[in-house]
């Protein structure tokens, strides 16, 4: 990336508010947003109907798209904010699918091997923002946004993902990290909550001259 640009990633469980925060911070700081491939994902609805059958296909699709986006970001000359990072694919979602028996040992080992090869070519974000949310908050927000294929997600699945997220964040050492507990925030509808996050982001990045007063 060009000197003076930043690469920020927004991490968090399903329903945490990553896409909304990505959009809003992108607009505030004039960062180019990169969004997770959801509406055009050819495997997602099949996956939620039969996780064991489609887990490997879905994770490879996400990994390939995330690698492509990450590569474009670090080779570009613009400041960027990314909705969900490539690290979450391996550390959270693929691992969970394997742990609960929805991805075979053979598929998981091949997936992890490919992920580690990819990591050799990628520069980590200048800041990782983790939207930390309880399962109650996640369920409420998933219901509110009304994506049909998400309505059958089990609470236990979200609980397992949250556990892995907390483990991953506790061991995150590859770059600066900002954890935002979000259960009591409504940054979409309350200006003061969004401004609180903006202040935390500014404090977490040394490139303060890039930001508006």
N, C-alpha and C. Protein backbone atom coordinates (compact mmCIF):
# COMPACT_ATOMS: atom_id res chain seq x y z
N UNK A 1 0.83 -1.19 0.00
CA UNK A 1 0.00 0.00 0.00
C UNK A 1 0.87 1.25 0.00
N UNK A 2 0.32 2.36 -0.55
CA UNK A 2 1.05 3.61 -0.59
C UNK A 2 1.26 4.17 0.81
N UNK A 3 2.38 4.86 1.01
CA UNK A 3 2.64 5.52 2.28
C UNK A 3 1.52 6.52 2.57
N UNK A 4 1.04 6.52 3.82
CA UNK A 4 -0.03 7.43 4.19
C UNK A 4 -1.42 6.85 4.08
N UNK A 5 -1.55 5.63 3.55
CA UNK A 5 -2.85 4.97 3.49
C UNK A 5 -2.99 3.99 4.65
N UNK A 6 -4.22 3.61 4.94
CA UNK A 6 -4.46 2.65 6.02
C UNK A 6 -5.34 1.51 5.51
N UNK A 7 -5.19 0.37 6.17
CA UNK A 7 -6.00 -0.82 5.90
C UNK A 7 -6.62 -1.24 7.23
N UNK A 8 -7.94 -1.10 7.33
CA UNK A 8 -8.68 -1.44 8.54
C UNK A 8 -9.62 -2.59 8.21
N UNK A 9 -9.70 -3.57 9.10
CA UNK A 9 -10.64 -4.68 8.94
C UNK A 9 -11.61 -4.68 10.11
N UNK A 10 -12.86 -5.07 9.84
CA UNK A 10 -13.89 -5.16 10.88
C UNK A 10 -14.27 -6.62 11.04
N UNK A 11 -14.03 -7.16 12.24
CA UNK A 11 -14.30 -8.56 12.55
C UNK A 11 -15.49 -8.67 13.48
N UNK A 12 -16.15 -9.83 13.45
CA UNK A 12 -17.26 -10.06 14.37
C UNK A 12 -18.16 -11.17 13.89
N UNK A 13 -18.92 -11.70 14.80
CA UNK A 13 -19.82 -12.83 14.53
C UNK A 13 -20.95 -12.41 13.58
N UNK A 14 -21.70 -13.37 13.12
CA UNK A 14 -22.87 -13.14 12.27
C UNK A 14 -23.85 -12.24 13.03
N UNK A 15 -24.23 -11.12 12.42
CA UNK A 15 -25.19 -10.23 13.05
C UNK A 15 -24.58 -9.18 13.96
N UNK A 16 -23.26 -9.09 14.03
CA UNK A 16 -22.62 -8.14 14.95
C UNK A 16 -22.72 -6.70 14.46
N UNK A 17 -22.95 -6.49 13.17
CA UNK A 17 -23.04 -5.14 12.63
C UNK A 17 -21.84 -4.72 11.81
N UNK A 18 -21.08 -5.68 11.33
CA UNK A 18 -19.84 -5.39 10.59
C UNK A 18 -20.09 -4.57 9.34
N UNK A 19 -21.07 -4.96 8.54
CA UNK A 19 -21.31 -4.26 7.28
C UNK A 19 -21.73 -2.82 7.50
N UNK A 20 -22.59 -2.60 8.50
CA UNK A 20 -23.03 -1.23 8.80
C UNK A 20 -21.85 -0.37 9.26
N UNK A 21 -21.02 -0.93 10.15
CA UNK A 21 -19.88 -0.16 10.64
C UNK A 21 -18.86 0.08 9.52
N UNK A 22 -18.67 -0.89 8.66
CA UNK A 22 -17.77 -0.72 7.52
C UNK A 22 -18.25 0.43 6.64
N UNK A 23 -19.54 0.45 6.34
CA UNK A 23 -20.10 1.52 5.51
C UNK A 23 -19.94 2.88 6.16
N UNK A 24 -20.27 2.96 7.45
CA UNK A 24 -20.27 4.25 8.13
C UNK A 24 -18.85 4.80 8.33
N UNK A 25 -17.92 3.95 8.70
CA UNK A 25 -16.54 4.41 8.85
C UNK A 25 -15.93 4.76 7.50
N UNK A 26 -16.29 3.98 6.48
CA UNK A 26 -15.81 4.29 5.13
C UNK A 26 -16.27 5.67 4.68
N UNK A 27 -17.52 5.98 4.96
CA UNK A 27 -18.05 7.30 4.58
C UNK A 27 -17.39 8.41 5.40
N UNK A 28 -17.19 8.19 6.70
CA UNK A 28 -16.62 9.22 7.55
C UNK A 28 -15.17 9.55 7.16
N UNK A 29 -14.37 8.51 6.92
CA UNK A 29 -12.95 8.72 6.69
C UNK A 29 -12.55 8.66 5.22
N UNK A 30 -13.56 8.47 4.34
CA UNK A 30 -13.31 8.34 2.91
C UNK A 30 -12.40 7.15 2.60
N UNK A 31 -12.66 6.06 3.30
CA UNK A 31 -11.98 4.80 3.03
C UNK A 31 -12.82 3.98 2.05
N UNK A 32 -12.17 3.31 1.15
CA UNK A 32 -12.89 2.45 0.20
C UNK A 32 -13.34 1.18 0.92
N UNK A 33 -14.65 0.85 0.88
CA UNK A 33 -15.13 -0.34 1.57
C UNK A 33 -15.04 -1.60 0.70
N UNK A 34 -14.67 -2.69 1.34
CA UNK A 34 -14.73 -4.02 0.72
C UNK A 34 -15.69 -4.84 1.56
N UNK A 35 -16.77 -5.33 0.94
CA UNK A 35 -17.80 -6.04 1.69
C UNK A 35 -17.70 -7.55 1.48
N UNK A 36 -18.19 -8.27 2.49
CA UNK A 36 -18.26 -9.72 2.40
C UNK A 36 -19.24 -10.12 1.30
N UNK A 37 -18.90 -11.17 0.56
CA UNK A 37 -19.77 -11.66 -0.50
C UNK A 37 -20.89 -12.49 0.12
N UNK A 38 -22.10 -11.90 0.18
CA UNK A 38 -23.24 -12.59 0.79
C UNK A 38 -24.35 -12.81 -0.24
N UNK A 39 -24.90 -11.71 -0.75
CA UNK A 39 -26.06 -11.82 -1.64
C UNK A 39 -25.74 -12.56 -2.93
N UNK A 40 -24.48 -12.50 -3.39
CA UNK A 40 -24.11 -13.18 -4.63
C UNK A 40 -23.37 -14.49 -4.37
N UNK A 41 -23.41 -14.97 -3.13
CA UNK A 41 -22.70 -16.20 -2.78
C UNK A 41 -23.50 -17.40 -3.27
N UNK A 42 -22.92 -18.25 -4.14
CA UNK A 42 -23.69 -19.35 -4.71
C UNK A 42 -23.87 -20.54 -3.77
N UNK A 43 -23.22 -20.53 -2.60
CA UNK A 43 -23.27 -21.68 -1.70
C UNK A 43 -24.02 -21.41 -0.39
N UNK A 44 -24.26 -20.15 -0.05
CA UNK A 44 -24.69 -19.83 1.30
C UNK A 44 -26.04 -20.44 1.66
N UNK A 45 -27.03 -20.31 0.80
CA UNK A 45 -28.34 -20.87 1.14
C UNK A 45 -28.28 -22.39 1.21
N UNK A 46 -27.52 -23.03 0.32
CA UNK A 46 -27.34 -24.49 0.37
C UNK A 46 -26.65 -24.90 1.67
N UNK A 47 -25.66 -24.11 2.08
CA UNK A 47 -24.92 -24.41 3.29
C UNK A 47 -25.82 -24.42 4.52
N UNK A 48 -26.68 -23.40 4.65
CA UNK A 48 -27.55 -23.36 5.82
C UNK A 48 -28.61 -24.46 5.77
N UNK A 49 -28.86 -25.01 4.59
CA UNK A 49 -29.78 -26.14 4.48
C UNK A 49 -29.12 -27.46 4.79
N UNK A 50 -27.82 -27.59 4.51
CA UNK A 50 -27.09 -28.84 4.75
C UNK A 50 -25.62 -28.51 4.95
N UNK A 51 -25.25 -28.19 6.19
CA UNK A 51 -23.89 -27.74 6.49
C UNK A 51 -22.85 -28.80 6.18
N UNK A 52 -23.14 -30.04 6.50
CA UNK A 52 -22.16 -31.10 6.28
C UNK A 52 -21.85 -31.27 4.79
N UNK A 53 -22.84 -31.15 3.95
CA UNK A 53 -22.66 -31.33 2.51
C UNK A 53 -21.89 -30.18 1.88
N UNK A 54 -22.13 -28.95 2.34
CA UNK A 54 -21.63 -27.78 1.61
C UNK A 54 -20.56 -26.98 2.35
N UNK A 55 -20.13 -27.43 3.52
CA UNK A 55 -19.20 -26.63 4.33
C UNK A 55 -17.87 -26.37 3.61
N UNK A 56 -17.28 -27.39 3.03
CA UNK A 56 -15.97 -27.21 2.39
C UNK A 56 -16.09 -26.28 1.18
N UNK A 57 -17.13 -26.47 0.39
CA UNK A 57 -17.34 -25.61 -0.78
C UNK A 57 -17.49 -24.15 -0.37
N UNK A 58 -18.31 -23.92 0.67
CA UNK A 58 -18.53 -22.55 1.12
C UNK A 58 -17.25 -21.91 1.62
N UNK A 59 -16.48 -22.64 2.43
CA UNK A 59 -15.27 -22.07 3.01
C UNK A 59 -14.20 -21.79 1.95
N UNK A 60 -14.10 -22.63 0.95
CA UNK A 60 -13.15 -22.37 -0.14
C UNK A 60 -13.58 -21.15 -0.93
N UNK A 61 -14.89 -21.00 -1.15
CA UNK A 61 -15.39 -19.82 -1.85
C UNK A 61 -15.04 -18.55 -1.08
N UNK A 62 -15.31 -18.54 0.23
CA UNK A 62 -14.99 -17.38 1.04
C UNK A 62 -13.49 -17.11 1.05
N UNK A 63 -12.70 -18.16 1.21
CA UNK A 63 -11.24 -17.99 1.28
C UNK A 63 -10.70 -17.39 -0.01
N UNK A 64 -11.16 -17.89 -1.14
CA UNK A 64 -10.69 -17.37 -2.43
C UNK A 64 -11.07 -15.90 -2.61
N UNK A 65 -12.31 -15.56 -2.28
CA UNK A 65 -12.76 -14.17 -2.43
C UNK A 65 -12.05 -13.24 -1.47
N UNK A 66 -11.85 -13.71 -0.23
CA UNK A 66 -11.19 -12.87 0.76
C UNK A 66 -9.71 -12.68 0.39
N UNK A 67 -9.07 -13.71 -0.12
CA UNK A 67 -7.67 -13.58 -0.53
C UNK A 67 -7.55 -12.58 -1.68
N UNK A 68 -8.46 -12.68 -2.64
CA UNK A 68 -8.45 -11.76 -3.77
C UNK A 68 -8.62 -10.32 -3.30
N UNK A 69 -9.58 -10.09 -2.39
CA UNK A 69 -9.81 -8.74 -1.86
C UNK A 69 -8.61 -8.24 -1.08
N UNK A 70 -8.07 -9.09 -0.21
CA UNK A 70 -6.93 -8.70 0.63
C UNK A 70 -5.73 -8.34 -0.25
N UNK A 71 -5.50 -9.11 -1.29
CA UNK A 71 -4.38 -8.85 -2.20
C UNK A 71 -4.57 -7.52 -2.91
N UNK A 72 -5.79 -7.25 -3.39
CA UNK A 72 -6.07 -5.97 -4.04
C UNK A 72 -5.86 -4.80 -3.08
N UNK A 73 -6.25 -5.01 -1.82
CA UNK A 73 -6.12 -3.95 -0.83
C UNK A 73 -4.65 -3.59 -0.59
N UNK A 74 -3.84 -4.60 -0.31
CA UNK A 74 -2.44 -4.31 0.06
C UNK A 74 -1.62 -3.88 -1.15
N UNK A 75 -2.07 -4.18 -2.35
CA UNK A 75 -1.35 -3.74 -3.55
C UNK A 75 -1.87 -2.41 -4.07
N UNK A 76 -2.95 -1.90 -3.48
CA UNK A 76 -3.56 -0.67 -3.97
C UNK A 76 -2.95 0.57 -3.37
N UNK A 77 -3.50 1.71 -3.76
CA UNK A 77 -2.98 3.00 -3.30
C UNK A 77 -4.05 3.81 -2.57
N UNK A 78 -5.09 3.12 -2.06
CA UNK A 78 -6.17 3.80 -1.35
C UNK A 78 -6.28 3.28 0.07
N UNK A 79 -6.81 4.10 0.97
CA UNK A 79 -7.17 3.63 2.31
C UNK A 79 -8.45 2.80 2.19
N UNK A 80 -8.47 1.69 2.93
CA UNK A 80 -9.53 0.69 2.74
C UNK A 80 -10.03 0.22 4.09
N UNK A 81 -11.33 -0.09 4.15
CA UNK A 81 -11.91 -0.79 5.29
C UNK A 81 -12.62 -2.04 4.78
N UNK A 82 -12.37 -3.18 5.41
CA UNK A 82 -12.87 -4.47 4.93
C UNK A 82 -13.85 -5.08 5.91
N UNK A 83 -14.97 -5.51 5.40
CA UNK A 83 -16.01 -6.21 6.16
C UNK A 83 -15.64 -7.68 6.27
N UNK A 84 -15.19 -8.09 7.45
CA UNK A 84 -14.70 -9.43 7.78
C UNK A 84 -13.36 -9.73 7.12
N UNK A 85 -12.45 -10.29 7.88
CA UNK A 85 -11.10 -10.55 7.43
C UNK A 85 -10.92 -12.01 7.02
N UNK A 86 -9.86 -12.26 6.29
CA UNK A 86 -9.55 -13.61 5.85
C UNK A 86 -9.21 -14.51 7.03
N UNK A 87 -8.70 -13.91 8.13
CA UNK A 87 -8.31 -14.70 9.29
C UNK A 87 -9.51 -15.37 9.95
N UNK A 88 -10.65 -14.72 9.91
CA UNK A 88 -11.85 -15.29 10.52
C UNK A 88 -12.31 -16.55 9.80
N UNK A 89 -12.09 -16.60 8.49
CA UNK A 89 -12.50 -17.79 7.74
C UNK A 89 -11.86 -19.04 8.32
N UNK A 90 -10.55 -18.98 8.56
CA UNK A 90 -9.83 -20.16 9.04
C UNK A 90 -9.94 -20.34 10.55
N UNK A 91 -9.74 -19.24 11.29
CA UNK A 91 -9.66 -19.33 12.75
C UNK A 91 -11.02 -19.56 13.41
N UNK A 92 -12.08 -19.15 12.73
CA UNK A 92 -13.41 -19.24 13.34
C UNK A 92 -14.30 -20.24 12.59
N UNK A 93 -14.62 -19.92 11.34
CA UNK A 93 -15.69 -20.65 10.66
C UNK A 93 -15.28 -22.05 10.21
N UNK A 94 -14.14 -22.18 9.55
CA UNK A 94 -13.71 -23.51 9.14
C UNK A 94 -13.40 -24.38 10.35
N UNK A 95 -12.74 -23.80 11.34
CA UNK A 95 -12.41 -24.55 12.56
C UNK A 95 -13.67 -25.04 13.25
N UNK A 96 -14.68 -24.18 13.34
CA UNK A 96 -15.92 -24.58 14.00
C UNK A 96 -16.62 -25.70 13.24
N UNK A 97 -16.66 -25.58 11.92
CA UNK A 97 -17.30 -26.62 11.12
C UNK A 97 -16.61 -27.97 11.32
N UNK A 98 -15.30 -27.94 11.43
CA UNK A 98 -14.57 -29.18 11.69
C UNK A 98 -14.85 -29.69 13.10
N UNK A 99 -14.84 -28.78 14.08
CA UNK A 99 -15.04 -29.18 15.48
C UNK A 99 -16.40 -29.85 15.69
N UNK A 100 -17.43 -29.37 15.00
CA UNK A 100 -18.77 -29.91 15.22
C UNK A 100 -19.11 -31.05 14.26
N UNK A 101 -18.11 -31.47 13.46
CA UNK A 101 -18.30 -32.64 12.60
C UNK A 101 -18.91 -32.36 11.25
N UNK A 102 -18.96 -31.08 10.85
CA UNK A 102 -19.53 -30.74 9.54
C UNK A 102 -18.49 -30.54 8.46
N UNK A 103 -17.21 -30.74 8.80
CA UNK A 103 -16.15 -30.76 7.79
C UNK A 103 -15.21 -31.91 8.15
N UNK A 104 -14.90 -32.76 7.19
CA UNK A 104 -14.07 -33.94 7.46
C UNK A 104 -12.64 -33.53 7.78
N UNK A 105 -11.91 -34.43 8.42
CA UNK A 105 -10.49 -34.18 8.71
C UNK A 105 -9.73 -33.88 7.43
N UNK A 106 -9.99 -34.66 6.39
CA UNK A 106 -9.27 -34.49 5.12
C UNK A 106 -9.52 -33.12 4.52
N UNK A 107 -10.78 -32.69 4.47
CA UNK A 107 -11.10 -31.38 3.91
C UNK A 107 -10.51 -30.26 4.76
N UNK A 108 -10.61 -30.40 6.07
CA UNK A 108 -10.10 -29.36 6.97
C UNK A 108 -8.58 -29.21 6.85
N UNK A 109 -7.88 -30.33 6.80
CA UNK A 109 -6.42 -30.27 6.67
C UNK A 109 -6.01 -29.61 5.36
N UNK A 110 -6.70 -29.92 4.28
CA UNK A 110 -6.41 -29.28 2.99
C UNK A 110 -6.71 -27.79 3.04
N UNK A 111 -7.82 -27.44 3.68
CA UNK A 111 -8.19 -26.03 3.81
C UNK A 111 -7.14 -25.26 4.59
N UNK A 112 -6.73 -25.77 5.74
CA UNK A 112 -5.75 -25.09 6.59
C UNK A 112 -4.42 -24.97 5.87
N UNK A 113 -4.03 -26.00 5.14
CA UNK A 113 -2.78 -25.95 4.38
C UNK A 113 -2.81 -24.82 3.35
N UNK A 114 -3.92 -24.70 2.64
CA UNK A 114 -4.06 -23.63 1.65
C UNK A 114 -4.05 -22.26 2.34
N UNK A 115 -4.73 -22.14 3.46
CA UNK A 115 -4.76 -20.88 4.21
C UNK A 115 -3.35 -20.44 4.61
N UNK A 116 -2.55 -21.35 5.12
CA UNK A 116 -1.19 -20.99 5.55
C UNK A 116 -0.31 -20.56 4.38
N UNK A 117 -0.49 -21.18 3.24
CA UNK A 117 0.25 -20.74 2.05
C UNK A 117 -0.14 -19.31 1.69
N UNK A 118 -1.43 -19.02 1.72
CA UNK A 118 -1.91 -17.67 1.41
C UNK A 118 -1.34 -16.64 2.37
N UNK A 119 -1.24 -16.99 3.66
CA UNK A 119 -0.78 -16.03 4.67
C UNK A 119 0.65 -15.56 4.41
N UNK A 120 1.44 -16.35 3.71
CA UNK A 120 2.82 -15.96 3.40
C UNK A 120 2.87 -14.75 2.47
N UNK A 121 1.78 -14.45 1.79
CA UNK A 121 1.76 -13.39 0.78
C UNK A 121 0.96 -12.16 1.23
N UNK A 122 0.42 -12.18 2.44
CA UNK A 122 -0.50 -11.11 2.84
C UNK A 122 0.04 -10.29 4.00
N UNK A 123 -0.03 -8.97 3.85
CA UNK A 123 0.28 -8.04 4.93
C UNK A 123 -0.96 -7.90 5.81
N UNK A 124 -0.81 -7.97 7.15
CA UNK A 124 -1.99 -7.84 8.02
C UNK A 124 -2.52 -6.42 8.04
N UNK A 125 -3.75 -6.23 8.50
CA UNK A 125 -4.34 -4.88 8.56
C UNK A 125 -3.57 -3.97 9.52
N UNK A 126 -3.66 -2.66 9.26
CA UNK A 126 -3.09 -1.68 10.18
C UNK A 126 -3.90 -1.60 11.46
N UNK A 127 -5.18 -1.98 11.39
CA UNK A 127 -6.02 -2.04 12.59
C UNK A 127 -7.11 -3.08 12.38
N UNK A 128 -7.26 -3.96 13.35
CA UNK A 128 -8.37 -4.91 13.38
C UNK A 128 -9.38 -4.43 14.41
N UNK A 129 -10.61 -4.15 13.98
CA UNK A 129 -11.69 -3.78 14.88
C UNK A 129 -12.55 -5.01 15.12
N UNK A 130 -12.72 -5.37 16.38
CA UNK A 130 -13.56 -6.52 16.72
C UNK A 130 -14.84 -6.02 17.39
N UNK A 131 -15.98 -6.24 16.73
CA UNK A 131 -17.28 -5.92 17.31
C UNK A 131 -17.71 -7.09 18.19
N UNK A 132 -17.60 -6.90 19.47
CA UNK A 132 -17.88 -7.96 20.45
C UNK A 132 -19.34 -7.88 20.87
N UNK A 133 -20.09 -8.95 20.62
CA UNK A 133 -21.53 -8.94 20.92
C UNK A 133 -21.95 -10.25 21.55
N UNK A 134 -22.89 -10.17 22.48
CA UNK A 134 -23.45 -11.38 23.08
C UNK A 134 -24.34 -12.09 22.08
N UNK A 135 -24.66 -13.35 22.38
CA UNK A 135 -25.53 -14.12 21.49
C UNK A 135 -26.92 -13.51 21.45
N UNK A 136 -27.41 -12.97 22.58
CA UNK A 136 -28.73 -12.31 22.58
C UNK A 136 -28.76 -11.15 21.58
N UNK A 137 -27.69 -10.36 21.56
CA UNK A 137 -27.61 -9.25 20.62
C UNK A 137 -27.56 -9.75 19.18
N UNK A 138 -26.78 -10.79 18.94
CA UNK A 138 -26.66 -11.34 17.59
C UNK A 138 -28.01 -11.85 17.09
N UNK A 139 -28.73 -12.59 17.93
CA UNK A 139 -30.03 -13.14 17.53
C UNK A 139 -30.99 -12.01 17.20
N UNK A 140 -31.02 -10.99 18.03
CA UNK A 140 -31.92 -9.86 17.81
C UNK A 140 -31.62 -9.17 16.48
N UNK A 141 -30.34 -8.96 16.19
CA UNK A 141 -29.97 -8.25 14.97
C UNK A 141 -30.14 -9.11 13.72
N UNK A 142 -29.92 -10.41 13.84
CA UNK A 142 -30.18 -11.32 12.72
C UNK A 142 -31.67 -11.32 12.38
N UNK A 143 -32.51 -11.36 13.40
CA UNK A 143 -33.96 -11.34 13.19
C UNK A 143 -34.39 -10.02 12.55
N UNK A 144 -33.81 -8.93 13.03
CA UNK A 144 -34.19 -7.60 12.54
C UNK A 144 -33.86 -7.43 11.06
N UNK A 145 -32.70 -7.92 10.61
CA UNK A 145 -32.34 -7.67 9.21
C UNK A 145 -33.04 -8.63 8.25
N UNK A 146 -33.53 -9.76 8.72
CA UNK A 146 -34.49 -10.56 7.98
C UNK A 146 -33.98 -11.33 6.78
N UNK A 147 -32.70 -11.67 6.74
CA UNK A 147 -32.23 -12.52 5.63
C UNK A 147 -32.81 -13.92 5.82
N UNK A 148 -33.51 -14.39 4.81
CA UNK A 148 -34.26 -15.65 4.94
C UNK A 148 -33.36 -16.82 5.30
N UNK A 149 -32.17 -16.90 4.64
CA UNK A 149 -31.31 -18.06 4.86
C UNK A 149 -30.66 -18.05 6.24
N UNK A 150 -30.72 -16.91 6.96
CA UNK A 150 -30.13 -16.84 8.30
C UNK A 150 -31.11 -17.16 9.41
N UNK A 151 -32.40 -17.21 9.11
CA UNK A 151 -33.40 -17.33 10.17
C UNK A 151 -33.37 -18.70 10.86
N UNK A 152 -32.78 -19.69 10.20
CA UNK A 152 -32.69 -21.01 10.81
C UNK A 152 -31.41 -21.26 11.58
N UNK A 153 -30.56 -20.25 11.71
CA UNK A 153 -29.30 -20.43 12.44
C UNK A 153 -29.60 -20.73 13.90
N UNK A 154 -29.02 -21.81 14.41
CA UNK A 154 -29.26 -22.21 15.78
C UNK A 154 -28.47 -21.33 16.76
N UNK A 155 -29.07 -21.08 17.91
CA UNK A 155 -28.38 -20.32 18.95
C UNK A 155 -27.06 -20.99 19.35
N UNK A 156 -27.07 -22.31 19.41
CA UNK A 156 -25.85 -23.04 19.80
C UNK A 156 -24.72 -22.80 18.80
N UNK A 157 -25.07 -22.64 17.52
CA UNK A 157 -24.06 -22.36 16.50
C UNK A 157 -23.41 -21.01 16.75
N UNK A 158 -24.21 -20.00 17.06
CA UNK A 158 -23.69 -18.67 17.37
C UNK A 158 -22.84 -18.69 18.64
N UNK A 159 -23.24 -19.48 19.62
CA UNK A 159 -22.47 -19.61 20.85
C UNK A 159 -21.10 -20.21 20.58
N UNK A 160 -21.05 -21.23 19.73
CA UNK A 160 -19.77 -21.85 19.39
C UNK A 160 -18.87 -20.87 18.65
N UNK A 161 -19.45 -20.10 17.72
CA UNK A 161 -18.66 -19.11 17.00
C UNK A 161 -18.14 -18.03 17.95
N UNK A 162 -18.97 -17.58 18.87
CA UNK A 162 -18.54 -16.57 19.83
C UNK A 162 -17.36 -17.07 20.67
N UNK A 163 -17.41 -18.31 21.08
CA UNK A 163 -16.31 -18.88 21.86
C UNK A 163 -15.00 -18.85 21.07
N UNK A 164 -15.09 -19.23 19.80
CA UNK A 164 -13.88 -19.22 18.96
C UNK A 164 -13.40 -17.81 18.68
N UNK A 165 -14.34 -16.88 18.52
CA UNK A 165 -13.94 -15.48 18.33
C UNK A 165 -13.15 -14.97 19.53
N UNK A 166 -13.64 -15.27 20.73
CA UNK A 166 -12.96 -14.79 21.93
C UNK A 166 -11.56 -15.41 22.04
N UNK A 167 -11.42 -16.68 21.70
CA UNK A 167 -10.10 -17.34 21.71
C UNK A 167 -9.17 -16.69 20.70
N UNK A 168 -9.69 -16.44 19.50
CA UNK A 168 -8.87 -15.84 18.45
C UNK A 168 -8.42 -14.44 18.84
N UNK A 169 -9.34 -13.62 19.33
CA UNK A 169 -9.01 -12.25 19.70
C UNK A 169 -8.01 -12.24 20.86
N UNK A 170 -8.16 -13.15 21.81
CA UNK A 170 -7.23 -13.21 22.94
C UNK A 170 -5.80 -13.48 22.49
N UNK A 171 -5.65 -14.18 21.36
CA UNK A 171 -4.32 -14.51 20.87
C UNK A 171 -3.89 -13.71 19.65
N UNK A 172 -4.65 -12.66 19.31
CA UNK A 172 -4.34 -11.87 18.10
C UNK A 172 -3.10 -11.03 18.34
N UNK A 173 -2.02 -11.29 17.60
CA UNK A 173 -0.73 -10.63 17.82
C UNK A 173 -0.13 -10.04 16.54
N UNK A 174 -0.82 -10.12 15.42
CA UNK A 174 -0.18 -9.74 14.15
C UNK A 174 -0.31 -8.25 13.83
N UNK A 175 -1.01 -7.50 14.68
CA UNK A 175 -1.16 -6.07 14.44
C UNK A 175 -2.02 -5.42 15.50
N UNK A 176 -2.22 -4.09 15.41
CA UNK A 176 -3.06 -3.38 16.37
C UNK A 176 -4.50 -3.91 16.37
N UNK A 177 -5.09 -3.95 17.56
CA UNK A 177 -6.43 -4.49 17.75
C UNK A 177 -7.28 -3.52 18.56
N UNK A 178 -8.50 -3.28 18.12
CA UNK A 178 -9.46 -2.46 18.86
C UNK A 178 -10.71 -3.29 19.10
N UNK A 179 -11.00 -3.58 20.37
CA UNK A 179 -12.20 -4.34 20.74
C UNK A 179 -13.30 -3.35 21.14
N UNK A 180 -14.45 -3.46 20.47
CA UNK A 180 -15.60 -2.60 20.76
C UNK A 180 -16.74 -3.45 21.32
N UNK A 181 -16.96 -3.48 22.65
CA UNK A 181 -18.14 -4.16 23.19
C UNK A 181 -19.40 -3.43 22.69
N UNK A 182 -20.28 -4.15 22.01
CA UNK A 182 -21.35 -3.45 21.28
C UNK A 182 -22.76 -3.74 21.78
N UNK A 183 -22.91 -4.52 22.85
CA UNK A 183 -24.26 -4.85 23.33
C UNK A 183 -25.07 -3.61 23.67
N UNK A 184 -24.43 -2.60 24.21
CA UNK A 184 -25.15 -1.40 24.64
C UNK A 184 -24.99 -0.24 23.66
N UNK A 185 -24.48 -0.53 22.47
CA UNK A 185 -24.32 0.50 21.45
C UNK A 185 -25.34 0.31 20.34
N UNK A 186 -25.81 1.41 19.79
CA UNK A 186 -26.63 1.40 18.58
C UNK A 186 -26.04 2.46 17.65
N UNK A 187 -24.88 2.13 17.07
CA UNK A 187 -24.14 3.13 16.30
C UNK A 187 -24.83 3.49 14.99
N UNK A 188 -25.79 2.67 14.55
CA UNK A 188 -26.53 2.99 13.33
C UNK A 188 -27.53 4.11 13.59
N UNK A 189 -28.19 4.06 14.74
CA UNK A 189 -29.29 4.99 15.02
C UNK A 189 -28.96 6.07 16.05
N UNK A 190 -27.88 5.89 16.81
CA UNK A 190 -27.51 6.90 17.81
C UNK A 190 -26.17 7.52 17.44
N UNK A 191 -26.20 8.79 17.11
CA UNK A 191 -25.00 9.49 16.67
C UNK A 191 -23.90 9.44 17.71
N UNK A 192 -24.24 9.57 18.98
CA UNK A 192 -23.22 9.58 20.02
C UNK A 192 -22.49 8.25 20.12
N UNK A 193 -23.19 7.14 19.82
CA UNK A 193 -22.54 5.83 19.84
C UNK A 193 -21.55 5.70 18.68
N UNK A 194 -21.95 6.19 17.52
CA UNK A 194 -21.03 6.13 16.39
C UNK A 194 -19.82 7.03 16.63
N UNK A 195 -20.03 8.21 17.19
CA UNK A 195 -18.92 9.12 17.46
C UNK A 195 -17.96 8.52 18.49
N UNK A 196 -18.49 7.75 19.42
CA UNK A 196 -17.63 7.05 20.38
C UNK A 196 -16.68 6.09 19.64
N UNK A 197 -17.24 5.34 18.67
CA UNK A 197 -16.39 4.41 17.90
C UNK A 197 -15.38 5.18 17.07
N UNK A 198 -15.79 6.28 16.47
CA UNK A 198 -14.87 7.10 15.68
C UNK A 198 -13.69 7.55 16.54
N UNK A 199 -13.97 7.99 17.76
CA UNK A 199 -12.88 8.42 18.66
C UNK A 199 -11.94 7.27 18.97
N UNK A 200 -12.50 6.10 19.21
CA UNK A 200 -11.66 4.94 19.52
C UNK A 200 -10.78 4.55 18.33
N UNK A 201 -11.32 4.66 17.14
CA UNK A 201 -10.55 4.36 15.94
C UNK A 201 -9.40 5.35 15.78
N UNK A 202 -9.69 6.63 15.96
CA UNK A 202 -8.65 7.65 15.86
C UNK A 202 -7.53 7.41 16.87
N UNK A 203 -7.90 7.02 18.08
CA UNK A 203 -6.91 6.77 19.11
C UNK A 203 -6.05 5.55 18.81
N UNK A 204 -6.59 4.63 18.00
CA UNK A 204 -5.90 3.37 17.73
C UNK A 204 -4.97 3.43 16.53
N UNK A 205 -5.06 4.49 15.74
CA UNK A 205 -4.23 4.63 14.54
C UNK A 205 -3.28 5.82 14.72
N UNK A 206 -2.02 5.65 14.38
CA UNK A 206 -1.06 6.75 14.53
C UNK A 206 -1.16 7.80 13.43
N UNK A 207 -1.87 7.50 12.34
CA UNK A 207 -1.91 8.41 11.19
C UNK A 207 -3.00 9.46 11.39
N UNK A 208 -2.95 10.19 12.51
CA UNK A 208 -4.05 11.11 12.85
C UNK A 208 -4.19 12.24 11.84
N UNK A 209 -3.12 12.55 11.11
CA UNK A 209 -3.21 13.64 10.14
C UNK A 209 -4.12 13.28 8.96
N UNK A 210 -4.51 12.01 8.86
CA UNK A 210 -5.40 11.62 7.75
C UNK A 210 -6.86 11.95 8.05
N UNK A 211 -7.15 12.20 9.31
CA UNK A 211 -8.54 12.31 9.70
C UNK A 211 -9.03 13.74 9.76
N UNK A 212 -10.34 13.87 9.65
CA UNK A 212 -10.98 15.16 9.82
C UNK A 212 -10.86 15.60 11.27
N UNK A 213 -10.90 16.89 11.48
CA UNK A 213 -10.85 17.42 12.85
C UNK A 213 -12.14 17.05 13.57
